[in-house]
N, C-alpha and C. Protein backbone atom coordinates (compact mmCIF):
# COMPACT_ATOMS: atom_id res chain seq x y z
N MET A 1 103.14 103.44 128.83
CA MET A 1 102.65 103.55 127.13
C MET A 1 103.93 103.81 126.78
N LYS A 2 105.14 103.94 127.22
CA LYS A 2 106.66 103.94 126.37
C LYS A 2 106.72 102.42 126.52
N SER A 3 106.60 101.68 127.61
CA SER A 3 107.38 100.42 127.67
C SER A 3 106.15 99.32 126.93
N GLN A 4 105.04 99.84 126.62
CA GLN A 4 104.11 99.12 125.56
C GLN A 4 104.30 99.47 124.27
N GLN A 5 105.19 100.66 123.65
CA GLN A 5 105.40 100.69 122.26
C GLN A 5 107.05 99.91 122.39
N ILE A 6 107.55 99.77 123.60
CA ILE A 6 109.04 99.05 123.39
C ILE A 6 108.49 97.61 123.01
N ILE A 7 107.85 96.90 123.58
CA ILE A 7 107.29 95.82 123.65
C ILE A 7 106.78 95.88 121.89
N LEU A 8 105.79 96.75 121.67
CA LEU A 8 105.42 96.34 120.49
C LEU A 8 106.40 96.54 118.93
N GLU A 9 107.30 97.28 119.26
CA GLU A 9 108.44 97.48 118.46
C GLU A 9 109.22 96.33 118.62
N ARG A 10 109.60 95.29 119.40
CA ARG A 10 110.10 94.13 119.65
C ARG A 10 109.50 93.08 118.88
N ASP A 11 108.18 93.14 119.10
CA ASP A 11 107.28 91.89 118.65
C ASP A 11 107.37 92.00 117.20
N LEU A 12 107.20 93.59 116.72
CA LEU A 12 106.90 93.73 115.03
C LEU A 12 108.01 93.10 114.59
N GLU A 13 109.24 93.38 115.37
CA GLU A 13 110.59 92.98 114.58
C GLU A 13 110.91 91.66 115.05
N GLU A 14 110.45 91.12 115.61
CA GLU A 14 110.98 89.73 115.67
C GLU A 14 109.83 88.80 114.20
N TYR A 15 108.90 89.13 114.49
CA TYR A 15 107.57 88.78 113.43
C TYR A 15 108.18 89.09 112.04
N VAL A 16 108.34 90.13 112.01
CA VAL A 16 109.15 90.38 110.61
C VAL A 16 110.25 89.60 110.36
N LEU A 17 111.02 89.53 110.97
CA LEU A 17 112.49 89.05 110.75
C LEU A 17 112.46 87.34 110.58
N GLU A 18 111.23 87.06 111.53
CA GLU A 18 111.17 85.33 111.27
C GLU A 18 109.99 85.05 109.69
N HIS A 19 109.53 85.77 109.57
CA HIS A 19 107.85 86.00 108.43
C HIS A 19 108.18 86.13 107.37
N ILE A 20 109.33 87.19 107.24
CA ILE A 20 109.74 87.90 106.11
C ILE A 20 111.24 87.76 106.08
N PRO A 21 112.07 86.70 105.51
CA PRO A 21 113.39 86.55 105.81
C PRO A 21 114.15 87.28 104.99
N ILE A 22 113.68 88.00 103.77
CA ILE A 22 114.30 88.93 103.16
C ILE A 22 114.79 90.43 103.87
N SER A 23 113.79 90.72 104.86
CA SER A 23 114.54 91.71 106.09
C SER A 23 115.21 91.35 106.77
N ALA A 24 115.55 90.54 107.06
CA ALA A 24 116.85 90.12 107.80
C ALA A 24 118.27 90.56 106.83
N ALA A 25 117.74 90.21 105.64
CA ALA A 25 119.45 90.13 104.95
C ALA A 25 119.68 91.57 104.27
N MET A 26 118.55 92.52 104.36
CA MET A 26 118.62 93.62 104.30
C MET A 26 118.96 94.76 105.47
N GLY A 27 119.06 94.04 106.58
CA GLY A 27 119.49 94.77 107.69
C GLY A 27 118.09 95.53 108.52
N VAL A 28 116.81 95.46 108.30
CA VAL A 28 115.72 96.16 108.71
C VAL A 28 115.62 95.77 110.03
N LYS A 29 115.34 96.75 110.86
CA LYS A 29 115.02 96.95 111.91
C LYS A 29 114.26 97.78 112.61
N VAL A 30 113.14 98.13 113.57
CA VAL A 30 111.82 98.70 114.13
C VAL A 30 112.39 99.66 114.50
N GLU A 31 112.23 101.02 114.29
CA GLU A 31 112.68 102.02 115.58
C GLU A 31 111.48 102.35 115.41
N THR A 32 110.18 102.50 115.16
CA THR A 32 109.09 103.25 115.85
C THR A 32 108.32 102.13 115.37
N ALA A 33 107.23 101.97 116.37
CA ALA A 33 105.91 101.12 116.05
C ALA A 33 104.65 101.43 116.96
N SER A 34 103.81 102.08 116.07
CA SER A 34 102.49 102.32 117.32
C SER A 34 101.29 102.48 116.22
N PRO A 35 100.31 102.31 116.23
CA PRO A 35 99.11 102.02 115.48
C PRO A 35 99.26 103.38 114.71
N GLN A 36 99.94 104.65 114.80
CA GLN A 36 99.83 105.48 114.06
C GLN A 36 101.06 105.82 113.10
N THR A 37 102.36 105.69 113.84
CA THR A 37 103.43 105.37 112.85
C THR A 37 104.34 104.33 112.86
N ILE A 38 104.51 103.86 111.91
CA ILE A 38 105.95 102.93 111.49
C ILE A 38 107.12 103.45 111.05
N ILE A 39 108.15 103.37 111.75
CA ILE A 39 109.35 103.92 111.07
C ILE A 39 110.19 102.43 111.28
N LEU A 40 110.81 102.11 110.01
CA LEU A 40 111.62 100.96 109.63
C LEU A 40 112.82 101.42 109.13
N ARG A 41 114.20 100.99 109.71
CA ARG A 41 115.54 101.32 109.32
C ARG A 41 116.13 100.19 108.67
N ALA A 42 117.50 100.52 107.82
CA ALA A 42 117.94 99.88 107.08
C ALA A 42 119.03 100.09 106.77
N SER A 43 120.19 98.95 106.81
CA SER A 43 121.59 99.29 106.60
C SER A 43 121.85 99.65 105.05
N PHE A 44 122.61 100.31 104.97
CA PHE A 44 123.53 100.94 103.73
C PHE A 44 124.31 100.05 103.12
N ALA A 45 124.93 99.36 103.89
CA ALA A 45 125.68 98.05 103.30
C ALA A 45 125.31 96.91 103.38
N ASN A 46 123.72 97.18 103.63
CA ASN A 46 123.36 95.48 103.12
C ASN A 46 122.47 95.57 102.09
N ASN A 47 122.63 97.14 101.44
CA ASN A 47 121.52 97.34 100.26
C ASN A 47 122.37 98.18 99.44
N ILE A 48 123.80 98.20 99.29
CA ILE A 48 124.39 99.20 98.17
C ILE A 48 124.46 98.15 96.90
N ASN A 49 124.33 99.06 95.73
CA ASN A 49 124.53 98.82 94.56
C ASN A 49 125.80 99.03 93.97
N HIS A 50 125.83 98.62 92.84
CA HIS A 50 127.40 98.84 91.90
C HIS A 50 127.59 100.64 91.86
N LYS A 51 126.34 101.28 91.69
CA LYS A 51 126.55 102.75 91.99
C LYS A 51 126.85 103.41 93.24
N LYS A 52 127.15 102.43 94.19
CA LYS A 52 127.76 102.98 95.60
C LYS A 52 126.27 103.91 96.39
N THR A 53 124.98 103.38 95.76
CA THR A 53 123.93 103.99 96.34
C THR A 53 123.13 102.75 96.60
N VAL A 54 122.31 103.16 97.46
CA VAL A 54 121.13 101.64 98.10
C VAL A 54 120.57 101.48 96.80
N PHE A 55 120.16 100.29 97.18
CA PHE A 55 119.18 99.88 95.92
C PHE A 55 118.12 100.27 95.39
N GLY A 56 117.35 100.30 94.30
CA GLY A 56 116.10 100.58 94.16
C GLY A 56 115.30 99.79 94.79
N GLY A 57 115.42 98.17 94.55
CA GLY A 57 114.87 97.55 94.72
C GLY A 57 114.43 97.31 96.29
N SER A 58 115.82 97.76 97.15
CA SER A 58 115.52 97.76 98.95
C SER A 58 114.88 98.67 98.95
N LEU A 59 114.64 99.71 98.50
CA LEU A 59 114.25 101.08 99.39
C LEU A 59 112.39 100.60 98.93
N HIS A 60 112.09 100.12 97.58
CA HIS A 60 111.03 99.70 97.26
C HIS A 60 110.39 98.94 98.45
N ALA A 61 110.78 97.75 98.42
CA ALA A 61 110.80 96.71 99.61
C ALA A 61 110.94 97.27 100.87
N VAL A 62 111.54 97.98 101.63
CA VAL A 62 111.43 98.61 102.89
C VAL A 62 110.44 99.49 103.12
N ALA A 63 110.29 100.40 102.15
CA ALA A 63 108.92 101.20 101.94
C ALA A 63 107.53 100.04 102.09
N THR A 64 107.44 99.32 101.06
CA THR A 64 106.07 98.05 101.51
C THR A 64 106.37 97.62 102.52
N LEU A 65 106.96 97.47 103.30
CA LEU A 65 107.18 96.56 104.36
C LEU A 65 106.62 97.66 105.55
N ALA A 66 107.10 98.70 105.69
CA ALA A 66 106.78 99.69 106.45
C ALA A 66 105.48 99.80 106.60
N CYS A 67 104.52 99.86 105.46
CA CYS A 67 103.09 100.04 105.35
C CYS A 67 102.42 98.85 105.62
N TRP A 68 102.68 97.65 105.12
CA TRP A 68 102.37 96.64 105.50
C TRP A 68 102.54 96.25 107.12
N SER A 69 103.72 96.83 107.50
CA SER A 69 103.88 96.73 109.19
C SER A 69 102.57 97.65 109.68
N LEU A 70 102.17 98.87 109.22
CA LEU A 70 101.32 99.59 110.02
C LEU A 70 100.19 98.82 110.17
N LEU A 71 99.66 97.95 109.02
CA LEU A 71 98.36 97.39 109.09
C LEU A 71 98.36 96.33 110.13
N HIS A 72 99.43 95.58 109.71
CA HIS A 72 99.88 94.63 110.71
C HIS A 72 99.60 94.97 112.21
N VAL A 73 100.34 95.92 112.68
CA VAL A 73 100.12 96.75 114.09
C VAL A 73 98.85 96.63 114.29
N ASN A 74 98.08 97.44 113.31
CA ASN A 74 96.41 97.70 113.76
C ASN A 74 95.28 96.97 113.66
N LEU A 75 96.21 95.72 113.21
CA LEU A 75 95.01 94.40 112.80
C LEU A 75 95.66 93.29 113.47
N MET A 76 96.53 93.25 114.56
CA MET A 76 97.07 92.27 115.22
C MET A 76 95.72 91.80 115.77
N GLU A 77 94.91 92.02 116.29
CA GLU A 77 94.24 91.36 117.12
C GLU A 77 92.90 90.60 116.41
N GLU A 78 92.86 90.55 115.13
CA GLU A 78 91.86 90.10 114.04
C GLU A 78 92.51 88.77 113.42
N ALA A 79 91.84 87.79 112.88
CA ALA A 79 92.58 86.83 112.08
C ALA A 79 92.10 87.47 110.72
N THR A 80 93.39 88.12 110.36
CA THR A 80 93.26 89.05 109.11
C THR A 80 94.57 88.47 108.01
N GLN A 81 94.75 88.38 106.91
CA GLN A 81 95.67 88.57 106.17
C GLN A 81 96.01 89.70 105.29
N ILE A 82 96.88 90.16 105.06
CA ILE A 82 97.63 91.42 104.43
C ILE A 82 98.12 91.01 103.58
N VAL A 83 97.69 91.75 101.93
CA VAL A 83 98.35 91.64 101.00
C VAL A 83 98.60 92.84 99.98
N ILE A 84 99.55 93.02 99.05
CA ILE A 84 99.82 94.37 98.80
C ILE A 84 98.99 94.08 96.98
N ALA A 85 98.40 95.00 96.79
CA ALA A 85 97.70 95.04 95.00
C ALA A 85 98.45 95.45 94.36
N SER A 86 98.64 96.72 94.76
CA SER A 86 99.51 97.41 94.15
C SER A 86 100.45 98.65 94.50
N SER A 87 101.56 99.17 94.17
CA SER A 87 102.24 99.85 94.12
C SER A 87 102.73 100.78 93.19
N GLU A 88 103.43 101.99 93.51
CA GLU A 88 103.81 102.75 93.01
C GLU A 88 105.27 103.81 93.45
N VAL A 89 106.39 104.13 92.90
CA VAL A 89 107.46 104.41 93.55
C VAL A 89 107.99 105.49 92.94
N LYS A 90 108.18 106.56 93.39
CA LYS A 90 108.91 107.70 92.57
C LYS A 90 110.40 107.96 93.66
N TYR A 91 111.52 107.52 92.52
CA TYR A 91 113.01 107.64 93.15
C TYR A 91 113.49 109.09 92.74
N LEU A 92 113.33 110.12 93.71
CA LEU A 92 113.50 111.51 93.37
C LEU A 92 114.82 111.98 93.85
N ALA A 93 115.96 111.08 94.22
CA ALA A 93 117.06 111.39 94.45
C ALA A 93 118.43 109.98 95.27
N PRO A 94 119.12 109.66 95.15
CA PRO A 94 119.70 108.53 95.39
C PRO A 94 120.06 108.62 97.04
N VAL A 95 119.74 107.51 97.58
CA VAL A 95 120.17 107.48 99.13
C VAL A 95 121.46 106.40 99.35
N LEU A 96 122.49 107.48 99.66
CA LEU A 96 124.11 107.35 100.26
C LEU A 96 124.16 106.83 101.37
N GLN A 97 123.30 106.34 102.20
CA GLN A 97 123.67 106.10 103.73
C GLN A 97 122.66 105.00 104.42
N ASP A 98 122.71 104.91 105.43
CA ASP A 98 121.64 103.78 106.40
C ASP A 98 120.11 104.58 105.82
N PHE A 99 119.07 104.36 105.60
CA PHE A 99 117.98 105.07 105.92
C PHE A 99 116.87 104.67 106.64
N LYS A 100 115.76 105.39 106.51
CA LYS A 100 114.56 104.80 107.34
C LYS A 100 113.31 105.18 106.34
N ALA A 101 112.17 104.34 106.24
CA ALA A 101 111.21 104.36 105.71
C ALA A 101 109.97 104.52 106.44
N GLU A 102 109.46 105.69 106.60
CA GLU A 102 108.20 105.85 107.85
C GLU A 102 106.99 106.07 106.84
N CYS A 103 105.76 105.00 107.32
CA CYS A 103 104.09 105.18 106.92
C CYS A 103 103.63 105.93 108.26
N ASN A 104 102.69 106.47 107.79
CA ASN A 104 101.57 107.19 109.21
C ASN A 104 100.08 106.67 108.02
N ARG A 105 99.71 106.22 109.83
CA ARG A 105 98.05 106.50 109.55
C ARG A 105 97.36 106.98 108.76
N PRO A 106 96.55 106.53 107.56
CA PRO A 106 95.79 108.04 106.73
C PRO A 106 94.70 108.84 107.68
N ASP A 107 94.40 109.86 107.35
CA ASP A 107 93.18 110.42 108.03
C ASP A 107 92.07 109.57 108.87
N LYS A 108 91.57 110.03 109.71
CA LYS A 108 90.24 109.38 110.31
C LYS A 108 89.20 109.05 109.61
N GLU A 109 89.01 109.67 108.41
CA GLU A 109 87.74 109.26 107.78
C GLU A 109 88.35 108.08 106.89
N THR A 110 89.50 107.79 106.35
CA THR A 110 89.50 107.04 105.63
C THR A 110 89.93 106.07 106.34
N TRP A 111 90.68 105.94 107.32
CA TRP A 111 91.02 104.77 108.68
C TRP A 111 89.44 104.05 108.72
N GLU A 112 88.88 104.87 109.52
CA GLU A 112 87.63 104.18 109.59
C GLU A 112 86.74 103.80 108.60
N TYR A 113 86.68 104.14 107.32
CA TYR A 113 85.61 103.91 106.26
C TYR A 113 86.57 102.12 105.85
N PHE A 114 87.86 102.01 106.02
CA PHE A 114 88.39 101.16 105.91
C PHE A 114 88.20 100.24 107.12
N LEU A 115 88.14 100.57 107.61
CA LEU A 115 87.41 99.39 109.38
C LEU A 115 86.23 98.95 108.94
N LYS A 116 85.40 100.02 108.59
CA LYS A 116 83.88 99.48 108.50
C LYS A 116 83.70 98.45 107.31
N THR A 117 84.32 98.58 106.43
CA THR A 117 84.19 97.97 104.99
C THR A 117 84.91 96.49 105.37
N LEU A 118 85.93 96.55 106.26
CA LEU A 118 86.39 95.02 106.60
C LEU A 118 85.44 94.30 107.23
N THR A 119 84.94 95.01 108.59
CA THR A 119 84.13 94.50 109.34
C THR A 119 83.01 93.55 108.63
N LYS A 120 82.27 94.87 107.64
CA LYS A 120 81.35 94.43 107.40
C LYS A 120 81.36 93.46 105.70
N LYS A 121 82.46 93.79 105.01
CA LYS A 121 82.39 92.62 104.22
C LYS A 121 83.38 91.56 103.92
N ARG A 122 84.22 91.76 105.37
CA ARG A 122 85.65 90.79 105.59
C ARG A 122 86.93 91.03 104.70
N LYS A 123 86.64 92.09 103.66
CA LYS A 123 87.84 92.29 102.81
C LYS A 123 87.71 93.81 102.50
N ALA A 124 88.73 94.74 102.61
CA ALA A 124 88.82 96.36 102.53
C ALA A 124 90.35 96.89 101.68
N ARG A 125 90.18 97.25 101.10
CA ARG A 125 91.55 98.10 100.23
C ARG A 125 91.97 99.37 101.24
N ILE A 126 92.88 99.79 101.27
CA ILE A 126 93.50 100.97 101.90
C ILE A 126 94.67 101.38 100.82
N GLY A 127 94.86 102.57 100.74
CA GLY A 127 96.02 103.05 99.97
C GLY A 127 97.00 103.95 101.49
N LEU A 128 98.30 103.74 101.37
CA LEU A 128 99.43 103.72 102.63
C LEU A 128 100.15 104.51 101.40
N GLN A 129 100.76 105.09 102.30
CA GLN A 129 102.29 105.79 101.65
C GLN A 129 103.26 105.94 102.63
N ALA A 130 104.60 105.68 102.23
CA ALA A 130 105.92 105.70 102.67
C ALA A 130 106.80 106.63 102.00
N GLN A 131 107.74 107.49 103.13
CA GLN A 131 108.45 108.34 102.33
C GLN A 131 109.92 108.03 103.02
N ILE A 132 110.78 107.98 102.23
CA ILE A 132 112.40 107.70 102.94
C ILE A 132 112.91 109.40 102.47
N PHE A 133 113.49 109.91 103.33
CA PHE A 133 114.38 110.98 103.75
C PHE A 133 116.05 110.73 104.11
N GLN A 134 116.41 111.63 103.40
CA GLN A 134 117.65 111.39 103.88
C GLN A 134 118.56 112.85 103.94
N GLU A 135 118.56 113.39 105.29
CA GLU A 135 119.40 114.96 105.69
C GLU A 135 118.00 115.97 105.00
N GLY A 136 117.02 115.37 105.53
CA GLY A 136 115.88 116.57 105.23
C GLY A 136 115.16 116.49 103.95
N LYS A 137 116.12 115.85 103.00
CA LYS A 137 115.35 115.98 101.48
C LYS A 137 114.63 114.55 101.30
N LEU A 138 113.30 114.47 100.70
CA LEU A 138 112.78 113.23 100.35
C LEU A 138 113.25 112.87 98.80
N CYS A 139 113.93 111.48 99.47
CA CYS A 139 114.25 110.65 97.99
C CYS A 139 113.69 109.72 97.55
N VAL A 140 112.45 108.76 98.38
CA VAL A 140 111.69 107.89 97.89
C VAL A 140 110.59 108.09 98.32
N ASP A 141 109.30 108.36 97.38
CA ASP A 141 107.94 108.47 97.47
C ASP A 141 107.14 107.52 96.92
N TYR A 142 106.40 106.92 98.15
CA TYR A 142 106.02 105.36 97.89
C TYR A 142 104.50 105.95 98.09
N SER A 143 103.81 105.13 97.46
CA SER A 143 102.26 104.81 97.75
C SER A 143 102.11 103.34 97.19
N GLY A 144 101.10 102.44 98.22
CA GLY A 144 100.62 101.21 97.71
C GLY A 144 99.24 101.16 98.05
N ILE A 145 98.48 100.07 97.59
CA ILE A 145 97.20 99.96 97.86
C ILE A 145 97.37 98.26 98.38
N PHE A 146 96.43 98.49 99.37
CA PHE A 146 96.93 97.13 100.46
C PHE A 146 95.71 96.50 100.58
N VAL A 147 95.34 95.13 100.73
CA VAL A 147 94.00 94.26 101.09
C VAL A 147 94.07 93.79 102.23
N ALA A 148 93.13 93.68 103.00
CA ALA A 148 93.19 92.78 104.42
C ALA A 148 92.01 92.25 104.12
N ILE A 149 92.21 90.68 104.06
CA ILE A 149 91.12 89.84 103.98
C ILE A 149 91.07 89.35 105.69
N LYS A 150 89.83 89.22 106.26
CA LYS A 150 89.43 88.42 107.14
C LYS A 150 89.37 87.34 106.99
N THR A 151 90.00 85.83 107.80
CA THR A 151 90.71 84.67 108.02
C THR A 151 89.72 84.19 109.08
N GLY A 152 89.37 84.81 109.88
CA GLY A 152 88.95 84.08 110.85
C GLY A 152 87.24 83.94 111.25
């Protein structure tokens, strides 16, 4: 099981770096990739702003990418396009170092409804959340609505 997760993490990182070029510029790495949890980390040095904190746009982008990656990992076997429809982010505290964005799969009922809708209608929406903590303190609280569309 652990070797499968390592392969999944490597494959996800390669895919993201190749298909979403900004992720390389931001220094994004996949720390954890499973159907239940995605954790992406990014470099402070690549995302610093004039205030010597992480640029808000970078925090938003990495949180979005964590949520998108969760859907990508879960729908890899399907011919599916994943897009973001809307998002909201709350910047609660500055981020002053390398950071991680974590997205966890929603509760079983929400997830099963999403999959059932996707199968039946070939298109489904789901709300996902990601958080960025620094030293145990919530710094960024992100939520987005993502749409999956069957293409095959």
